[in-house]
Amino acid sequence: MSATAGLDRIDRAVINAFQGGFPVVEEPFEPAAEALRARGIDVTGAELLERVQRLDDDGVLTRFGALINAQEIGGAATLVAMHAPEERFEEVAEQVNAHREVAHNYEREHPHLNMWFVVSVADPDAVEDVLGNIESETGQETYNLPKREEFRVEAKFLLDGPIPDGDLDCSDLGPAIDPVERDTLTPQERDLVVEIQGGLPVTATPYADVAAELGVDTEWVTSTIKRFNEEGKVRRVGVIPNHYSLGYTENGMTVWNVPDDLVSEVGPEVASLDFVTHCYRRPRHEGVWPYNFFAMTHGRSEAESQQRIQQVKETMESFWDVADDDWDTLFSTQILKKTGIRLDERADANTE
């Protein structure tokens, strides 16, 4: 039974409302509750805090806080595919996973490329070395699929209940700030990134608690997080749900051989489908991998997942005649590794 069975109307409203756009002010839970009350959800700031704490403790959330955009912090990450022979699958998985640079690794349904992993490094030039070492150890060729163009990264997982569109946004609250024209981090900013990458304290004063831990002013923390949000270093601030606990167990990576001259038109249209969580352009590999466009969907049942994939296909078909061999869906069958991106190393390398 999924965790959603124990969620009441207010829990569902909190999860839907605050997957982005949480207030960045010293005491954020009262203004957040006020925004909920304006949408017909009768809850106080103290009650909202208690609910977020419980959802976090129960594993319904992976964390509460800022979702860092690793790409904007420094270093590089890339998606890699490879073939692991069935008789050696566990051995190859262990060899790949032993590399600390491998952050995620999934087994996916595909007749040849059945292992998909993410390599994250502080130095972008190090990707080639990591893949070379993996090839030497496993005896298997790797296929590097770096992101060429991003159309969407918006992993929201909404529930049946109040605020079903997840459109409550309090990100305008907080200090007025001006974006900074600087690619690198200051040492103080680096410390903040490392401190908040795993989430904020679920307390009445989360930003003040972070400030106390770093030995800085609360106003600097709120101003910097709000600026990071506007600059794109933070994708959003809010509750980060555990999508598996919410019943989103069907994970389909749809891949498409989109005519090159149509990608820039197709991308925004597919990205506009609210159930598409990630949408990218990536390179092909001649003779092995013909697809240049990735769109990730999630569903709460096989039927819902198939329906959503069909909607992506219908969107594609409005641009060109999609043949059967122009696309595929690779469902994940096993999580082999999931440790997360090592932001501390990437931030270190990009600190002034």
Protein backbone atom coordinates (compact mmCIF):
# COMPACT_ATOMS: atom_id res chain seq x y z
CA MET A 1 0.00 0.00 0.00
CA SER A 2 1.40 3.42 -0.95
CA ALA A 3 1.79 6.20 1.57
CA THR A 4 -0.99 8.16 -0.15
CA ALA A 5 -3.59 5.99 1.58
CA GLY A 6 -2.80 7.72 4.87
CA LEU A 7 -2.80 11.26 3.52
CA ASP A 8 -5.75 13.47 4.32
CA ARG A 9 -7.05 16.48 2.39
CA ILE A 10 -4.64 18.95 4.01
CA ASP A 11 -1.62 16.68 3.50
CA ARG A 12 -2.46 16.44 -0.18
CA ALA A 13 -2.88 20.19 -0.43
CA VAL A 14 0.53 20.74 1.18
CA ILE A 15 2.25 18.30 -1.18
CA ASN A 16 0.57 19.76 -4.26
CA ALA A 17 0.98 23.40 -3.28
CA PHE A 18 4.57 23.50 -2.15
CA GLN A 19 6.61 21.51 -4.65
CA GLY A 20 7.98 24.93 -5.51
CA GLY A 21 7.49 28.52 -4.45
CA PHE A 22 7.89 28.24 -0.67
CA PRO A 23 8.49 31.60 1.07
CA VAL A 24 12.12 32.54 1.64
CA VAL A 25 11.59 34.62 4.79
CA GLU A 26 12.83 34.17 8.34
CA GLU A 27 9.58 32.53 9.56
CA PRO A 28 8.11 31.02 6.37
CA PHE A 29 5.39 28.70 7.65
CA GLU A 30 2.82 31.36 8.60
CA PRO A 31 2.85 33.16 5.23
CA ALA A 32 2.77 29.75 3.53
CA ALA A 33 -0.26 28.78 5.64
CA GLU A 34 -1.90 32.11 4.84
CA ALA A 35 -1.54 31.34 1.13
CA LEU A 36 -3.16 27.94 1.74
CA ARG A 37 -6.03 29.55 3.67
CA ALA A 38 -6.63 31.84 0.69
CA ARG A 39 -7.14 28.67 -1.36
CA GLY A 40 -9.64 27.19 1.10
CA ILE A 41 -7.25 25.08 3.22
CA ASP A 42 -7.79 25.89 6.90
CA VAL A 43 -4.38 25.49 8.52
CA THR A 44 -2.17 27.58 10.80
CA GLY A 45 1.56 28.10 10.43
CA ALA A 46 2.24 25.80 13.38
CA GLU A 47 0.00 23.09 11.94
CA LEU A 48 1.67 23.39 8.54
CA LEU A 49 5.10 22.97 10.13
CA GLU A 50 3.88 19.88 12.01
CA ARG A 51 2.54 18.34 8.82
CA VAL A 52 5.74 18.94 6.86
CA GLN A 53 7.74 17.43 9.73
CA ARG A 54 5.50 14.34 9.76
CA LEU A 55 5.56 13.93 5.98
CA ASP A 56 9.34 14.18 6.11
CA ASP A 57 9.64 11.69 8.97
CA ASP A 58 7.29 9.23 7.26
CA GLY A 59 9.32 9.23 4.04
CA VAL A 60 6.59 10.85 1.96
CA LEU A 61 9.16 13.58 1.30
CA THR A 62 12.77 12.99 0.38
CA ARG A 63 13.50 16.37 1.92
CA PHE A 64 12.26 19.91 2.46
CA GLY A 65 14.24 22.82 1.09
CA ALA A 66 16.04 24.06 -1.99
CA LEU A 67 16.50 21.88 -5.07
CA ILE A 68 19.97 22.81 -6.29
CA ASN A 69 20.61 23.05 -10.04
CA ALA A 70 23.94 21.24 -10.14
CA GLN A 71 24.65 22.38 -13.69
CA GLU A 72 24.77 26.01 -12.53
CA ILE A 73 26.97 25.27 -9.52
CA GLY A 74 29.94 23.98 -11.49
CA GLY A 75 31.45 20.85 -12.99
CA ALA A 76 29.49 18.62 -15.32
CA ALA A 77 27.17 15.62 -15.43
CA THR A 78 26.36 13.33 -18.32
CA LEU A 79 24.07 10.40 -19.04
CA VAL A 80 25.82 7.21 -20.18
CA ALA A 81 24.42 4.01 -21.66
CA MET A 82 26.12 0.64 -21.99
CA HIS A 83 25.47 -3.03 -22.54
CA ALA A 84 26.00 -5.38 -19.60
CA PRO A 85 25.90 -9.04 -20.69
CA GLU A 86 23.21 -10.96 -18.85
CA GLU A 87 25.65 -13.51 -17.44
CA ARG A 88 27.89 -10.71 -16.10
CA PHE A 89 25.25 -8.14 -15.23
CA GLU A 90 25.84 -8.03 -11.47
CA GLU A 91 29.61 -7.99 -11.92
CA VAL A 92 29.45 -5.10 -14.41
CA ALA A 93 27.03 -3.19 -12.15
CA GLU A 94 29.46 -3.51 -9.24
CA GLN A 95 32.36 -2.32 -11.39
CA VAL A 96 30.40 0.70 -12.62
CA ASN A 97 28.98 1.55 -9.21
CA ALA A 98 32.43 1.39 -7.59
CA HIS A 99 33.27 4.67 -9.34
CA ARG A 100 32.45 7.50 -6.97
CA GLU A 101 31.68 9.69 -9.98
CA VAL A 102 28.69 7.47 -10.82
CA ALA A 103 25.74 9.10 -9.05
CA HIS A 104 22.78 7.10 -10.36
CA ASN A 105 22.59 3.79 -12.17
CA TYR A 106 19.47 2.06 -13.50
CA GLU A 107 18.72 -1.14 -15.34
CA ARG A 108 16.35 -0.33 -18.21
CA GLU A 109 14.40 -2.45 -20.66
CA HIS A 110 16.27 -2.40 -23.97
CA PRO A 111 17.52 -5.28 -26.14
CA HIS A 112 21.10 -3.99 -26.02
CA LEU A 113 21.66 -0.88 -23.88
CA ASN A 114 20.37 -2.16 -20.55
CA MET A 115 22.47 -0.11 -18.12
CA TRP A 116 22.08 3.67 -17.78
CA PHE A 117 24.06 5.79 -15.36
CA VAL A 118 24.94 9.41 -14.60
CA VAL A 119 28.54 10.51 -14.24
CA SER A 120 29.09 13.69 -12.21
CA VAL A 121 32.52 15.35 -12.05
CA ALA A 122 34.04 18.59 -10.81
CA ASP A 123 36.21 18.91 -13.92
CA PRO A 124 34.24 18.50 -17.19
CA ASP A 125 37.37 17.13 -18.87
CA ALA A 126 37.36 14.20 -16.42
CA VAL A 127 34.31 12.52 -17.98
CA GLU A 128 36.42 10.94 -20.72
CA ASP A 129 38.83 9.47 -18.15
CA VAL A 130 36.01 7.99 -16.05
CA LEU A 131 34.40 6.37 -19.08
CA GLY A 132 37.76 5.08 -20.28
CA ASN A 133 38.36 3.41 -16.93
CA ILE A 134 34.88 1.85 -16.92
CA GLU A 135 35.43 0.46 -20.42
CA SER A 136 38.81 -1.00 -19.43
CA GLU A 137 37.40 -2.65 -16.30
CA THR A 138 34.18 -4.01 -17.81
CA GLY A 139 35.30 -4.71 -21.37
CA GLN A 140 32.13 -2.97 -22.53
CA GLU A 141 31.80 0.15 -24.69
CA THR A 142 30.12 3.20 -23.17
CA TYR A 143 27.91 5.64 -25.06
CA ASN A 144 28.11 9.18 -23.74
CA LEU A 145 24.84 11.13 -24.07
CA PRO A 146 25.50 14.62 -22.70
CA LYS A 147 22.66 17.12 -22.59
CA ARG A 148 22.77 19.35 -25.68
CA GLU A 149 19.64 21.35 -24.91
CA GLU A 150 17.32 21.40 -21.91
CA PHE A 151 13.63 21.97 -22.44
CA ARG A 152 12.31 21.05 -19.01
CA VAL A 153 13.39 19.81 -15.61
CA GLU A 154 10.27 20.04 -13.49
CA ALA A 155 9.79 16.89 -11.49
CA LYS A 156 6.48 17.61 -9.79
CA PHE A 157 4.36 14.72 -8.58
CA LEU A 158 0.81 15.85 -7.91
CA LEU A 159 -1.97 14.03 -6.08
CA ASP A 160 -5.74 13.95 -6.35
CA GLY A 161 -6.97 16.62 -3.97
CA PRO A 162 -6.87 20.38 -3.38
CA ILE A 163 -4.62 22.60 -5.51
CA PRO A 164 -4.33 19.83 -8.14
CA ASP A 165 -2.31 22.01 -10.52
CA GLY A 166 0.40 22.69 -7.94
CA ASP A 167 0.21 26.36 -8.81
CA LEU A 168 0.57 28.04 -5.42
CA ASP A 169 3.71 30.19 -5.57
CA CYS A 170 5.03 32.29 -2.67
CA SER A 171 8.48 32.84 -4.15
CA ASP A 172 7.80 36.57 -4.49
CA LEU A 173 7.95 36.87 -0.69
CA GLY A 174 11.29 37.69 0.87
CA PRO A 175 14.03 40.23 0.30
CA ALA A 176 14.31 42.19 -2.93
CA ILE A 177 17.46 41.11 -4.73
CA ASP A 178 19.37 41.72 -7.92
CA PRO A 179 20.93 38.84 -9.89
CA VAL A 180 24.74 38.80 -10.00
CA GLU A 181 26.62 38.49 -13.29
CA ARG A 182 29.13 35.94 -12.03
CA ASP A 183 29.55 32.26 -12.89
CA THR A 184 31.75 31.31 -9.94
CA LEU A 185 30.83 30.99 -6.26
CA THR A 186 32.32 32.89 -3.36
CA PRO A 187 33.62 30.73 -0.48
CA GLN A 188 30.59 31.78 1.58
CA GLU A 189 28.20 30.80 -1.21
CA ARG A 190 29.99 27.47 -1.58
CA ASP A 191 29.44 26.77 2.13
CA LEU A 192 25.75 27.60 1.76
CA VAL A 193 25.33 25.23 -1.20
CA VAL A 194 26.94 22.37 0.72
CA GLU A 195 24.87 23.11 3.83
CA ILE A 196 21.49 23.12 2.08
CA GLN A 197 22.03 20.48 -0.63
CA GLY A 198 20.45 17.79 1.53
CA GLY A 199 17.54 19.98 2.61
CA LEU A 200 16.67 22.68 5.12
CA PRO A 201 15.94 21.98 8.78
CA VAL A 202 12.19 21.39 9.18
CA THR A 203 11.80 24.00 11.90
CA ALA A 204 9.91 27.25 12.35
CA THR A 205 13.04 29.17 11.34
CA PRO A 206 14.91 27.02 8.78
CA TYR A 207 16.91 29.83 7.19
CA ALA A 208 17.96 31.24 10.58
CA ASP A 209 19.09 27.75 11.61
CA VAL A 210 21.23 27.50 8.46
CA ALA A 211 22.64 30.96 9.17
CA ALA A 212 23.56 29.94 12.72
CA GLU A 213 25.30 26.82 11.42
CA LEU A 214 27.34 28.90 8.96
CA GLY A 215 27.96 31.81 11.33
CA VAL A 216 26.34 34.37 9.01
CA ASP A 217 23.32 36.68 9.11
CA THR A 218 19.88 35.23 8.39
CA GLU A 219 19.24 38.06 5.93
CA TRP A 220 22.29 36.97 3.90
CA VAL A 221 20.97 33.39 3.75
CA THR A 222 17.47 34.40 2.62
CA SER A 223 18.82 36.94 0.12
CA THR A 224 21.30 34.46 -1.35
CA ILE A 225 18.82 31.58 -1.65
CA LYS A 226 16.27 33.91 -3.25
CA ARG A 227 18.95 35.22 -5.65
CA PHE A 228 20.05 31.66 -6.46
CA ASN A 229 16.42 30.87 -7.25
CA GLU A 230 16.18 33.76 -9.70
CA GLU A 231 19.59 33.02 -11.24
CA GLY A 232 18.75 29.35 -11.76
CA LYS A 233 21.25 27.94 -9.26
CA VAL A 234 18.22 26.79 -7.28
CA ARG A 235 15.40 25.29 -9.33
CA ARG A 236 12.81 25.77 -6.60
CA VAL A 237 12.29 25.85 -2.83
CA GLY A 238 9.67 23.66 -1.23
CA VAL A 239 8.80 20.06 -0.44
CA ILE A 240 10.57 17.42 -2.52
CA PRO A 241 8.33 14.34 -2.57
CA ASN A 242 9.42 10.74 -2.69
CA HIS A 243 7.56 9.89 -5.89
CA TYR A 244 7.64 6.17 -5.19
CA SER A 245 5.83 6.68 -1.88
CA LEU A 246 3.21 8.75 -3.71
CA GLY A 247 2.54 5.82 -6.01
CA TYR A 248 4.48 7.04 -9.05
CA THR A 249 6.12 3.69 -9.65
CA GLU A 250 6.04 3.65 -13.47
CA ASN A 251 9.13 5.42 -14.81
CA GLY A 252 9.22 5.57 -18.60
CA MET A 253 12.10 7.17 -20.51
CA THR A 254 10.70 7.84 -23.97
CA VAL A 255 13.30 8.39 -26.69
CA TRP A 256 12.70 9.83 -30.15
CA ASN A 257 14.49 10.24 -33.46
CA VAL A 258 13.27 13.78 -34.12
CA PRO A 259 14.31 15.43 -37.40
CA ASP A 260 17.10 17.82 -36.45
CA ASP A 261 15.37 20.84 -37.97
CA LEU A 262 12.28 20.23 -35.78
CA VAL A 263 13.87 19.71 -32.37
CA SER A 264 13.68 23.38 -31.36
CA GLU A 265 9.94 23.37 -32.14
CA VAL A 266 9.13 19.96 -30.71
CA GLY A 267 11.01 20.51 -27.43
CA PRO A 268 8.85 23.28 -25.93
CA GLU A 269 5.63 21.52 -26.96
CA VAL A 270 6.57 18.25 -25.28
CA ALA A 271 7.92 20.15 -22.27
CA SER A 272 4.52 21.85 -21.88
CA LEU A 273 2.90 18.50 -21.00
CA ASP A 274 2.67 18.73 -17.22
CA PHE A 275 3.46 15.05 -16.65
CA VAL A 276 6.79 15.27 -18.52
CA THR A 277 9.38 15.76 -15.79
CA HIS A 278 12.59 15.91 -17.86
CA CYS A 279 12.96 16.80 -21.52
CA TYR A 280 16.32 17.08 -23.34
CA ARG A 281 18.11 16.97 -26.66
CA ARG A 282 21.02 14.50 -26.63
CA PRO A 283 23.39 13.16 -29.33
CA ARG A 284 22.82 10.04 -31.41
CA HIS A 285 25.39 7.24 -31.75
CA GLU A 286 25.42 5.98 -35.31
CA GLY A 287 24.59 2.31 -35.69
CA VAL A 288 23.75 1.89 -32.00
CA TRP A 289 21.52 4.68 -30.78
CA PRO A 290 19.37 6.58 -33.31
CA TYR A 291 17.50 8.81 -30.85
CA ASN A 292 18.26 12.48 -30.17
CA PHE A 293 15.35 13.49 -27.93
CA PHE A 294 14.48 12.25 -24.42
CA ALA A 295 11.23 12.84 -22.50
CA MET A 296 10.77 11.27 -19.08
CA THR A 297 7.27 10.43 -17.87
CA HIS A 298 6.00 8.99 -14.59
CA GLY A 299 2.72 7.28 -13.84
CA ARG A 300 0.88 5.74 -10.91
CA SER A 301 -0.14 2.68 -12.90
CA GLU A 302 0.88 0.96 -16.10
CA ALA A 303 -2.32 2.22 -17.74
CA GLU A 304 -1.68 5.84 -16.72
CA SER A 305 1.92 5.58 -17.86
CA GLN A 306 0.92 4.22 -21.27
CA GLN A 307 -1.70 6.93 -21.64
CA ARG A 308 0.88 9.62 -20.95
CA ILE A 309 3.36 8.10 -23.38
CA GLN A 310 0.61 8.10 -26.01
CA GLN A 311 0.07 11.82 -25.38
CA VAL A 312 3.75 12.46 -26.01
CA LYS A 313 3.47 10.47 -29.23
CA GLU A 314 0.43 12.44 -30.34
CA THR A 315 2.33 15.66 -29.72
CA MET A 316 5.22 14.36 -31.82
CA GLU A 317 2.84 13.33 -34.60
CA SER A 318 1.61 16.90 -34.94
CA PHE A 319 5.09 17.78 -36.27
CA TRP A 320 6.05 14.83 -38.46
CA ASP A 321 5.03 11.30 -39.44
CA VAL A 322 6.41 9.20 -36.59
CA ALA A 323 7.35 5.70 -37.74
CA ASP A 324 7.45 2.72 -35.38
CA ASP A 325 11.26 2.70 -35.40
CA ASP A 326 11.43 6.45 -34.65
CA TRP A 327 10.79 5.99 -30.96
CA ASP A 328 10.96 3.67 -27.97
CA THR A 329 10.20 3.61 -24.25
CA LEU A 330 12.76 2.30 -21.78
CA PHE A 331 11.19 1.44 -18.43
CA SER A 332 13.47 1.14 -15.41
CA THR A 333 13.44 -2.35 -13.93
CA GLN A 334 15.99 -1.94 -11.14
CA ILE A 335 17.76 0.87 -9.27
CA LEU A 336 21.42 -0.17 -9.19
CA LYS A 337 22.81 2.93 -7.46
CA LYS A 338 21.40 6.24 -6.26
CA THR A 339 23.76 8.35 -4.20
CA GLY A 340 23.09 11.79 -5.65
CA ILE A 341 25.36 14.36 -7.22
CA ARG A 342 28.49 15.28 -5.22
CA LEU A 343 27.79 19.00 -5.13
CA ASP A 344 30.52 19.73 -2.60
CA GLU A 345 33.25 18.70 -5.04
CA ARG A 346 31.66 20.52 -7.96
CA ALA A 347 31.15 23.65 -5.86
CA ASP A 348 34.74 23.50 -4.59
CA ALA A 349 36.06 23.48 -8.15
CA ASN A 350 33.96 26.52 -9.04
CA THR A 351 34.75 28.66 -6.00
CA GLU A 352 36.76 31.84 -6.44
